[in-house]
Amino acid sequence: MVLTLDLVGIFVFAISGGLVAVRNHLDIVGVVVLAMATGLGGGLIRDVLIGDVPPPALVDWRYLAVPATAGLVTFWWHPAVGRFERQVNVFDAAGLGLFCASGALKAEEFGLPLAASAALGLMTGIGGGVIRDVLAGRVPVVLRNTELYAIPALAGATVAAVGVELGVRPLVIMWPAIALTTGWRLIALRRNWTAPAPRLGPPR
């Protein structure tokens, strides 16, 4: 079940990468590359940092096939995919929650301390999007004050890491961590919540 959820999250993240590529007028190679980078980037960074090499995403063919397929689907049918962007945002929020929780739990499994596990959970959730935006030549979404993205991600990853430290079974603590991140992100989208930003005075 976790593998299925993981692949669904990768597929949805990859679609978001493909849409960014299409809107930047990239060719089919660019669309597939951005889709794969978005879907797999965070997990690859985490696995390399914790020493799980070669990363599972490069060993199991499904982890490569799913984002590549999402990229091709977006390339050929991007007008239809774009019309479902609101639904994609819902699945993106769920994928964010899943990746943050699973990333933190995997870091704990490899013996990292609580703070590092939470940070790697955050990286798993947002890493692909950061890579996508850098490749597309724009400020990453997680760094803009128009989005509340990284804070819910860090909250969910922290809940997962703290739960394991307190002795809660990973498969038990994973669900409230996912629910926290996903719910917070969806409410933020609905109510247009944003991350705090500095108050800038008038130009001198």
Protein backbone atom coordinates (compact mmCIF):
# COMPACT_ATOMS: atom_id res chain seq x y z
CA MET A 1 0.00 0.00 0.00
CA VAL A 2 2.82 2.41 0.86
CA LEU A 3 4.45 1.71 -2.52
CA THR A 4 1.18 2.49 -4.29
CA LEU A 5 0.76 5.77 -2.40
CA ASP A 6 4.40 6.63 -3.11
CA LEU A 7 3.94 6.08 -6.85
CA VAL A 8 0.70 8.10 -6.86
CA GLY A 9 2.51 10.97 -5.14
CA ILE A 10 5.36 10.76 -7.67
CA PHE A 11 2.86 10.80 -10.56
CA VAL A 12 1.08 13.91 -9.29
CA PHE A 13 4.32 15.75 -8.52
CA ALA A 14 5.56 14.82 -11.99
CA ILE A 15 2.43 16.26 -13.61
CA SER A 16 3.06 19.57 -11.86
CA GLY A 17 6.60 19.54 -13.25
CA GLY A 18 5.31 18.73 -16.71
CA LEU A 19 2.82 21.61 -16.59
CA VAL A 20 5.58 24.05 -15.64
CA ALA A 21 7.65 22.78 -18.57
CA VAL A 22 4.77 23.12 -21.03
CA ARG A 23 4.05 26.66 -19.86
CA ASN A 24 7.72 27.51 -20.37
CA HIS A 25 7.47 26.19 -23.96
CA LEU A 26 9.94 23.34 -23.50
CA ASP A 27 10.06 20.45 -25.95
CA ILE A 28 9.14 16.85 -25.17
CA VAL A 29 12.56 16.13 -23.63
CA GLY A 30 12.29 19.16 -21.37
CA VAL A 31 8.78 18.19 -20.27
CA VAL A 32 9.81 14.65 -19.36
CA VAL A 33 13.01 15.81 -17.62
CA LEU A 34 11.15 18.35 -15.48
CA ALA A 35 8.45 15.79 -14.69
CA MET A 36 11.01 13.22 -13.57
CA ALA A 37 13.04 15.77 -11.60
CA THR A 38 9.92 16.93 -9.77
CA GLY A 39 8.66 13.46 -8.99
CA LEU A 40 11.95 11.91 -7.92
CA GLY A 41 14.22 14.78 -6.89
CA GLY A 42 13.41 14.96 -3.18
CA GLY A 43 13.66 11.21 -2.62
CA LEU A 44 16.94 10.95 -4.53
CA ILE A 45 18.51 13.74 -2.46
CA ARG A 46 17.38 12.07 0.77
CA ASP A 47 18.65 8.64 -0.21
CA VAL A 48 22.06 9.95 -1.25
CA LEU A 49 22.41 11.94 2.00
CA ILE A 50 21.56 8.96 4.22
CA GLY A 51 23.70 6.54 2.20
CA ASP A 52 20.95 4.40 0.70
CA VAL A 53 22.75 3.89 -2.60
CA PRO A 54 21.98 3.14 -5.28
CA PRO A 55 18.69 4.88 -4.50
CA PRO A 56 15.60 2.65 -4.80
CA ALA A 57 14.24 5.03 -7.45
CA LEU A 58 17.09 3.95 -9.72
CA VAL A 59 16.73 0.24 -8.96
CA ASP A 60 12.96 -0.27 -9.27
CA TRP A 61 11.85 0.47 -12.85
CA ARG A 62 8.44 1.65 -11.66
CA TYR A 63 9.97 4.71 -10.02
CA LEU A 64 11.33 5.81 -13.39
CA ALA A 65 8.37 4.73 -15.50
CA VAL A 66 5.72 6.56 -13.47
CA PRO A 67 7.12 10.13 -13.73
CA ALA A 68 8.17 9.57 -17.35
CA THR A 69 4.60 8.52 -18.16
CA ALA A 70 3.23 11.54 -16.31
CA GLY A 71 5.51 13.78 -18.35
CA LEU A 72 4.34 12.26 -21.64
CA VAL A 73 0.69 12.48 -20.60
CA THR A 74 1.15 16.16 -19.75
CA PHE A 75 3.01 16.84 -23.00
CA TRP A 76 0.34 15.31 -25.24
CA TRP A 77 -2.77 16.29 -23.29
CA HIS A 78 -1.70 19.40 -21.38
CA PRO A 79 -4.88 21.42 -22.20
CA ALA A 80 -7.01 18.72 -20.55
CA VAL A 81 -4.56 18.24 -17.67
CA GLY A 82 -4.46 21.99 -17.05
CA ARG A 83 -8.24 22.09 -16.62
CA PHE A 84 -7.89 19.71 -13.69
CA GLU A 85 -5.23 21.79 -11.93
CA ARG A 86 -7.40 22.27 -8.83
CA GLN A 87 -7.69 18.51 -8.43
CA VAL A 88 -3.97 18.17 -9.09
CA ASN A 89 -3.34 20.60 -6.22
CA VAL A 90 -5.35 18.34 -3.91
CA PHE A 91 -3.29 15.29 -4.85
CA ASP A 92 -0.14 17.40 -4.67
CA ALA A 93 -0.98 18.25 -1.05
CA ALA A 94 -1.53 14.57 -0.30
CA GLY A 95 1.74 13.68 -1.99
CA LEU A 96 3.52 16.35 0.01
CA GLY A 97 2.19 14.87 3.24
CA LEU A 98 3.16 11.34 2.24
CA PHE A 99 6.67 12.27 1.14
CA CYS A 100 7.40 14.35 4.25
CA ALA A 101 6.29 11.57 6.56
CA SER A 102 7.99 8.75 4.66
CA GLY A 103 11.19 10.80 4.30
CA ALA A 104 11.40 11.48 8.02
CA LEU A 105 10.64 7.85 8.88
CA LYS A 106 13.30 6.55 6.51
CA ALA A 107 15.86 8.93 8.00
CA GLU A 108 14.94 7.67 11.49
CA GLU A 109 15.32 4.10 10.23
CA PHE A 110 18.88 4.92 9.17
CA GLY A 111 19.69 6.19 12.67
CA LEU A 112 19.60 9.96 12.16
CA PRO A 113 18.65 12.18 15.12
CA LEU A 114 15.28 13.84 15.38
CA ALA A 115 16.17 17.24 13.89
CA ALA A 116 18.00 15.72 10.94
CA SER A 117 15.13 13.29 10.28
CA ALA A 118 12.60 16.13 10.24
CA ALA A 119 14.84 18.15 7.90
CA LEU A 120 15.22 15.24 5.51
CA GLY A 121 11.48 14.66 5.61
CA LEU A 122 11.04 18.28 4.57
CA MET A 123 13.64 17.84 1.83
CA THR A 124 11.87 14.75 0.52
CA GLY A 125 8.64 16.70 0.19
CA ILE A 126 9.93 19.93 -1.34
CA GLY A 127 13.17 18.89 -3.06
CA GLY A 128 11.63 17.94 -6.38
CA GLY A 129 9.69 21.19 -6.61
CA VAL A 130 12.81 23.22 -5.87
CA ILE A 131 14.73 21.40 -8.61
CA ARG A 132 11.81 21.93 -11.02
CA ASP A 133 11.68 25.66 -10.39
CA VAL A 134 15.45 26.12 -10.64
CA LEU A 135 15.51 24.26 -13.97
CA ALA A 136 12.59 26.40 -15.14
CA GLY A 137 14.43 29.57 -14.18
CA ARG A 138 12.06 30.85 -11.51
CA VAL A 139 12.09 31.44 -7.75
CA PRO A 140 11.09 28.14 -6.06
CA VAL A 141 7.49 28.06 -4.90
CA VAL A 142 8.54 27.18 -1.34
CA LEU A 143 10.49 30.44 -1.07
CA ARG A 144 7.68 32.74 -2.18
CA ASN A 145 5.47 34.49 0.36
CA THR A 146 2.45 33.70 -1.84
CA GLU A 147 2.54 30.05 -0.80
CA LEU A 148 2.26 28.21 2.51
CA TYR A 149 4.07 25.03 1.56
CA ALA A 150 7.28 24.37 3.47
CA ILE A 151 5.83 25.07 6.94
CA PRO A 152 3.10 22.39 6.73
CA ALA A 153 5.69 20.03 5.25
CA LEU A 154 8.09 20.58 8.13
CA ALA A 155 5.27 20.17 10.64
CA GLY A 156 4.29 16.77 9.25
CA ALA A 157 7.90 15.59 9.06
CA THR A 158 8.46 16.67 12.67
CA VAL A 159 5.39 14.80 13.89
CA ALA A 160 6.64 11.63 12.17
CA ALA A 161 10.15 11.97 13.60
CA VAL A 162 8.96 12.79 17.13
CA GLY A 163 6.51 9.91 17.06
CA VAL A 164 9.23 7.39 16.28
CA GLU A 165 11.48 8.89 18.97
CA LEU A 166 8.64 8.35 21.46
CA GLY A 167 8.30 4.73 20.44
CA VAL A 168 5.22 4.94 18.21
CA ARG A 169 5.24 2.44 15.36
CA PRO A 170 6.09 4.07 12.00
CA LEU A 171 2.96 2.78 10.27
CA VAL A 172 0.87 4.31 13.07
CA ILE A 173 2.50 7.75 13.29
CA MET A 174 2.70 8.08 9.51
CA TRP A 175 -1.03 8.75 9.10
CA PRO A 176 -1.43 11.69 11.51
CA ALA A 177 1.74 13.20 10.03
CA ILE A 178 0.31 12.92 6.51
CA ALA A 179 -3.05 14.29 7.67
CA LEU A 180 -1.44 17.31 9.33
CA THR A 181 0.58 18.33 6.27
CA THR A 182 -2.16 17.59 3.75
CA GLY A 183 -4.92 19.24 5.77
CA TRP A 184 -2.88 22.35 6.54
CA ARG A 185 -1.84 22.72 2.91
CA LEU A 186 -5.41 22.34 1.61
CA ILE A 187 -6.81 24.83 4.11
CA ALA A 188 -4.05 27.28 3.18
CA LEU A 189 -4.98 26.94 -0.49
CA ARG A 190 -8.67 27.43 0.24
CA ARG A 191 -8.21 30.44 2.51
CA ASN A 192 -5.19 31.94 0.72
CA TRP A 193 -2.93 31.67 3.77
CA THR A 194 0.66 32.66 3.14
CA ALA A 195 3.93 32.33 4.99
CA PRO A 196 5.04 35.35 7.08
CA ALA A 197 7.04 37.89 5.10
CA PRO A 198 9.12 40.88 6.23
CA ARG A 199 7.38 44.23 6.38
CA LEU A 200 9.17 46.50 3.98
CA GLY A 201 9.07 50.22 4.52
CA PRO A 202 8.60 52.78 1.75
CA PRO A 203 11.52 53.05 -0.71
CA ARG A 204 14.12 55.62 0.20
